[in-house]
Amino acid sequence: MNVHNVDVQLIHFFRRVSVPLARFGLFIIFFWFGLLKVIGLSPASGLVQSLFENTIPWMEFSTFLILFGLFEMLIGVLFLIRGVERIVIPLLFIHMITTFMPLFLLREETWSGLLVPTMEGQYIIKNIALIAAAVGIAAHLHPLPSNKNI
């Protein structure tokens, strides 16, 4: 077997497993991190609480944290279900908007200098990889049937 054949086989293998692997990875991250919020063990709770206090004064934080964790868990589960991508990807982007907010609203907690994120800032910025995985899943969707009457 020559290098070209191995290369082709590896490419075909990665194409076959890339979307299921991305789905499973997104499930693990969202479900696990959401569950940690629901059971009160999330290391991100302090940052979430700081953002919450700056944006949502009309709700109890403990209630919000559980609801936010359940929302994350829902996103995770939906990524496992084929056919609901057009629902879960917008939910992911809504979640990402809230996730990136501390970079702008809580600068002292997310930046230690110009273009130097804190550990919390790095944790947030790595979400670009989650967005890339979701975009990769969306890129493999088939277009909806066209409706010429609309």
C-alpha atoms as a PDB file:
ATOM      1  CA  MET A   1       0.000   0.000   0.000  1.00  0.00           C
ATOM      2  CA  ASN A   2       1.449   3.369  -0.972  1.00  0.00           C
ATOM      3  CA  VAL A   3       1.227   6.712   0.801  1.00  0.00           C
ATOM      4  CA  HIS A   4      -1.431   8.028  -1.612  1.00  0.00           C
ATOM      5  CA  ASN A   5      -3.800   5.125  -0.882  1.00  0.00           C
ATOM      6  CA  VAL A   6      -3.332   5.501   2.869  1.00  0.00           C
ATOM      7  CA  ASP A   7      -3.972   9.231   2.525  1.00  0.00           C
ATOM      8  CA  VAL A   8      -7.184   8.645   0.554  1.00  0.00           C
ATOM      9  CA  GLN A   9      -8.417   6.038   3.028  1.00  0.00           C
ATOM     10  CA  LEU A  10      -7.722   8.321   5.988  1.00  0.00           C
ATOM     11  CA  ILE A  11      -9.513  11.222   4.317  1.00  0.00           C
ATOM     12  CA  HIS A  12     -12.568   9.045   3.615  1.00  0.00           C
ATOM     13  CA  PHE A  13     -12.520   7.764   7.197  1.00  0.00           C
ATOM     14  CA  PHE A  14     -12.341  11.281   8.636  1.00  0.00           C
ATOM     15  CA  ARG A  15     -15.142  12.471   6.357  1.00  0.00           C
ATOM     16  CA  ARG A  16     -17.303   9.581   7.563  1.00  0.00           C
ATOM     17  CA  VAL A  17     -16.684  10.184  11.280  1.00  0.00           C
ATOM     18  CA  SER A  18     -16.297  13.987  11.407  1.00  0.00           C
ATOM     19  CA  VAL A  19     -19.967  14.908  11.821  1.00  0.00           C
ATOM     20  CA  PRO A  20     -20.821  12.135  14.320  1.00  0.00           C
ATOM     21  CA  LEU A  21     -17.676  13.010  16.292  1.00  0.00           C
ATOM     22  CA  ALA A  22     -18.544  16.729  16.270  1.00  0.00           C
ATOM     23  CA  ARG A  23     -22.087  15.918  17.424  1.00  0.00           C
ATOM     24  CA  PHE A  24     -20.805  13.720  20.245  1.00  0.00           C
ATOM     25  CA  GLY A  25     -18.192  16.268  21.298  1.00  0.00           C
ATOM     26  CA  LEU A  26     -20.777  19.056  21.445  1.00  0.00           C
ATOM     27  CA  PHE A  27     -23.114  16.780  23.397  1.00  0.00           C
ATOM     28  CA  ILE A  28     -20.419  15.951  25.976  1.00  0.00           C
ATOM     29  CA  ILE A  29     -19.389  19.577  26.486  1.00  0.00           C
ATOM     30  CA  PHE A  30     -22.882  21.065  26.701  1.00  0.00           C
ATOM     31  CA  PHE A  31     -24.507  18.271  28.688  1.00  0.00           C
ATOM     32  CA  TRP A  32     -21.644  17.897  31.159  1.00  0.00           C
ATOM     33  CA  PHE A  33     -21.088  21.595  31.763  1.00  0.00           C
ATOM     34  CA  GLY A  34     -24.866  22.159  32.007  1.00  0.00           C
ATOM     35  CA  LEU A  35     -25.209  19.319  34.502  1.00  0.00           C
ATOM     36  CA  LEU A  36     -22.462  20.844  36.655  1.00  0.00           C
ATOM     37  CA  LYS A  37     -24.485  24.081  36.777  1.00  0.00           C
ATOM     38  CA  VAL A  38     -27.705  22.242  37.672  1.00  0.00           C
ATOM     39  CA  ILE A  39     -26.092  20.356  40.564  1.00  0.00           C
ATOM     40  CA  GLY A  40     -24.168  23.407  41.800  1.00  0.00           C
ATOM     41  CA  LEU A  41     -20.629  22.231  41.016  1.00  0.00           C
ATOM     42  CA  SER A  42     -19.702  24.390  38.034  1.00  0.00           C
ATOM     43  CA  PRO A  43     -16.379  26.220  38.300  1.00  0.00           C
ATOM     44  CA  ALA A  44     -17.899  28.833  35.961  1.00  0.00           C
ATOM     45  CA  SER A  45     -20.619  29.791  38.454  1.00  0.00           C
ATOM     46  CA  GLY A  46     -18.735  32.837  39.740  1.00  0.00           C
ATOM     47  CA  LEU A  47     -18.319  34.301  36.273  1.00  0.00           C
ATOM     48  CA  VAL A  48     -21.928  33.466  35.396  1.00  0.00           C
ATOM     49  CA  GLN A  49     -23.087  35.152  38.605  1.00  0.00           C
ATOM     50  CA  SER A  50     -21.052  38.293  37.852  1.00  0.00           C
ATOM     51  CA  LEU A  51     -22.574  38.514  34.386  1.00  0.00           C
ATOM     52  CA  PHE A  52     -26.029  37.750  35.782  1.00  0.00           C
ATOM     53  CA  GLU A  53     -25.785  40.587  38.304  1.00  0.00           C
ATOM     54  CA  ASN A  54     -24.961  42.995  35.467  1.00  0.00           C
ATOM     55  CA  THR A  55     -27.749  41.864  33.130  1.00  0.00           C
ATOM     56  CA  ILE A  56     -30.706  40.091  34.807  1.00  0.00           C
ATOM     57  CA  PRO A  57     -31.717  41.759  38.077  1.00  0.00           C
ATOM     58  CA  TRP A  58     -35.303  40.434  38.072  1.00  0.00           C
ATOM     59  CA  MET A  59     -34.605  36.729  38.752  1.00  0.00           C
ATOM     60  CA  GLU A  60     -32.981  34.725  41.536  1.00  0.00           C
ATOM     61  CA  PHE A  61     -29.485  33.643  40.519  1.00  0.00           C
ATOM     62  CA  SER A  62     -29.999  30.072  41.760  1.00  0.00           C
ATOM     63  CA  THR A  63     -33.075  29.722  39.528  1.00  0.00           C
ATOM     64  CA  PHE A  64     -31.251  31.239  36.562  1.00  0.00           C
ATOM     65  CA  LEU A  65     -28.240  28.955  36.994  1.00  0.00           C
ATOM     66  CA  ILE A  66     -30.431  25.841  36.965  1.00  0.00           C
ATOM     67  CA  LEU A  67     -32.376  27.076  33.915  1.00  0.00           C
ATOM     68  CA  PHE A  68     -29.156  27.996  32.122  1.00  0.00           C
ATOM     69  CA  GLY A  69     -27.693  24.576  32.927  1.00  0.00           C
ATOM     70  CA  LEU A  70     -30.848  22.858  31.647  1.00  0.00           C
ATOM     71  CA  PHE A  71     -30.625  24.962  28.480  1.00  0.00           C
ATOM     72  CA  GLU A  72     -27.036  23.776  27.975  1.00  0.00           C
ATOM     73  CA  MET A  73     -28.066  20.179  28.597  1.00  0.00           C
ATOM     74  CA  LEU A  74     -30.874  20.542  26.039  1.00  0.00           C
ATOM     75  CA  ILE A  75     -28.416  21.860  23.448  1.00  0.00           C
ATOM     76  CA  GLY A  76     -26.184  18.859  24.128  1.00  0.00           C
ATOM     77  CA  VAL A  77     -28.983  16.330  23.733  1.00  0.00           C
ATOM     78  CA  LEU A  78     -30.306  17.991  20.574  1.00  0.00           C
ATOM     79  CA  PHE A  79     -26.888  17.703  18.923  1.00  0.00           C
ATOM     80  CA  LEU A  80     -27.262  13.918  19.180  1.00  0.00           C
ATOM     81  CA  ILE A  81     -30.558  13.914  17.270  1.00  0.00           C
ATOM     82  CA  ARG A  82     -30.320  14.001  13.496  1.00  0.00           C
ATOM     83  CA  GLY A  83     -32.924  16.207  11.895  1.00  0.00           C
ATOM     84  CA  VAL A  84     -33.037  18.949  14.546  1.00  0.00           C
ATOM     85  CA  GLU A  85     -29.897  20.788  13.454  1.00  0.00           C
ATOM     86  CA  ARG A  86     -31.943  23.777  12.261  1.00  0.00           C
ATOM     87  CA  ILE A  87     -33.253  24.115  15.813  1.00  0.00           C
ATOM     88  CA  VAL A  88     -30.125  23.386  17.852  1.00  0.00           C
ATOM     89  CA  ILE A  89     -27.647  25.490  15.877  1.00  0.00           C
ATOM     90  CA  PRO A  90     -29.598  28.731  16.457  1.00  0.00           C
ATOM     91  CA  LEU A  91     -29.878  27.757  20.152  1.00  0.00           C
ATOM     92  CA  LEU A  92     -26.109  27.298  20.220  1.00  0.00           C
ATOM     93  CA  PHE A  93     -25.570  30.737  18.706  1.00  0.00           C
ATOM     94  CA  ILE A  94     -27.927  32.320  21.275  1.00  0.00           C
ATOM     95  CA  HIS A  95     -25.904  30.568  23.975  1.00  0.00           C
ATOM     96  CA  MET A  96     -22.651  31.777  22.425  1.00  0.00           C
ATOM     97  CA  ILE A  97     -23.844  35.398  22.517  1.00  0.00           C
ATOM     98  CA  THR A  98     -24.389  35.106  26.263  1.00  0.00           C
ATOM     99  CA  THR A  99     -21.110  33.239  26.668  1.00  0.00           C
ATOM    100  CA  PHE A 100     -19.064  35.931  24.917  1.00  0.00           C
ATOM    101  CA  MET A 101     -20.675  38.792  26.884  1.00  0.00           C
ATOM    102  CA  PRO A 102     -18.156  38.672  29.776  1.00  0.00           C
ATOM    103  CA  LEU A 103     -15.360  39.541  27.341  1.00  0.00           C
ATOM    104  CA  PHE A 104     -17.063  42.937  26.954  1.00  0.00           C
ATOM    105  CA  LEU A 105     -18.998  43.414  30.196  1.00  0.00           C
ATOM    106  CA  LEU A 106     -16.566  41.864  32.683  1.00  0.00           C
ATOM    107  CA  ARG A 107     -13.228  42.933  31.235  1.00  0.00           C
ATOM    108  CA  GLU A 108     -11.438  42.889  34.584  1.00  0.00           C
ATOM    109  CA  GLU A 109     -12.290  39.190  34.991  1.00  0.00           C
ATOM    110  CA  THR A 110     -11.592  38.118  31.407  1.00  0.00           C
ATOM    111  CA  TRP A 111      -8.550  40.194  30.375  1.00  0.00           C
ATOM    112  CA  SER A 112      -5.267  40.733  32.177  1.00  0.00           C
ATOM    113  CA  GLY A 113      -3.940  43.069  29.474  1.00  0.00           C
ATOM    114  CA  LEU A 114      -4.379  44.050  25.843  1.00  0.00           C
ATOM    115  CA  LEU A 115      -5.106  40.823  23.952  1.00  0.00           C
ATOM    116  CA  VAL A 116      -4.055  38.792  27.015  1.00  0.00           C
ATOM    117  CA  PRO A 117      -7.036  36.818  28.307  1.00  0.00           C
ATOM    118  CA  THR A 118      -7.263  35.504  31.843  1.00  0.00           C
ATOM    119  CA  MET A 119      -7.993  31.810  32.335  1.00  0.00           C
ATOM    120  CA  GLU A 120     -11.705  32.696  32.252  1.00  0.00           C
ATOM    121  CA  GLY A 121     -11.170  34.675  29.052  1.00  0.00           C
ATOM    122  CA  GLN A 122      -9.377  31.722  27.450  1.00  0.00           C
ATOM    123  CA  TYR A 123     -12.241  29.463  28.524  1.00  0.00           C
ATOM    124  CA  ILE A 124     -14.641  31.773  26.681  1.00  0.00           C
ATOM    125  CA  ILE A 125     -12.501  32.307  23.584  1.00  0.00           C
ATOM    126  CA  LYS A 126     -12.109  28.551  23.034  1.00  0.00           C
ATOM    127  CA  ASN A 127     -15.831  28.500  22.274  1.00  0.00           C
ATOM    128  CA  ILE A 128     -14.868  29.543  18.760  1.00  0.00           C
ATOM    129  CA  ALA A 129     -13.942  25.864  18.299  1.00  0.00           C
ATOM    130  CA  LEU A 130     -17.476  24.864  19.358  1.00  0.00           C
ATOM    131  CA  ILE A 131     -18.897  27.296  16.815  1.00  0.00           C
ATOM    132  CA  ALA A 132     -16.615  25.789  14.151  1.00  0.00           C
ATOM    133  CA  ALA A 133     -17.872  22.280  14.984  1.00  0.00           C
ATOM    134  CA  ALA A 134     -21.496  23.458  14.689  1.00  0.00           C
ATOM    135  CA  VAL A 135     -20.735  25.166  11.369  1.00  0.00           C
ATOM    136  CA  GLY A 136     -19.159  21.904  10.165  1.00  0.00           C
ATOM    137  CA  ILE A 137     -22.345  20.040  11.045  1.00  0.00           C
ATOM    138  CA  ALA A 138     -24.468  22.672   9.304  1.00  0.00           C
ATOM    139  CA  ALA A 139     -22.265  22.438   6.204  1.00  0.00           C
ATOM    140  CA  HIS A 140     -23.313  18.802   5.814  1.00  0.00           C
ATOM    141  CA  LEU A 141     -27.062  19.476   5.901  1.00  0.00           C
ATOM    142  CA  HIS A 142     -29.154  19.020   2.807  1.00  0.00           C
ATOM    143  CA  PRO A 143     -31.035  22.138   1.674  1.00  0.00           C
ATOM    144  CA  LEU A 144     -34.700  22.340   2.529  1.00  0.00           C
ATOM    145  CA  PRO A 145     -36.979  21.613  -0.415  1.00  0.00           C
ATOM    146  CA  SER A 146     -37.730  24.754  -2.373  1.00  0.00           C
ATOM    147  CA  ASN A 147     -41.283  26.007  -2.341  1.00  0.00           C
ATOM    148  CA  LYS A 148     -41.915  27.917  -5.541  1.00  0.00           C
ATOM    149  CA  ASN A 149     -45.230  29.280  -4.209  1.00  0.00           C
ATOM    150  CA  ILE A 150     -43.491  31.501  -1.669  1.00  0.00           C
END
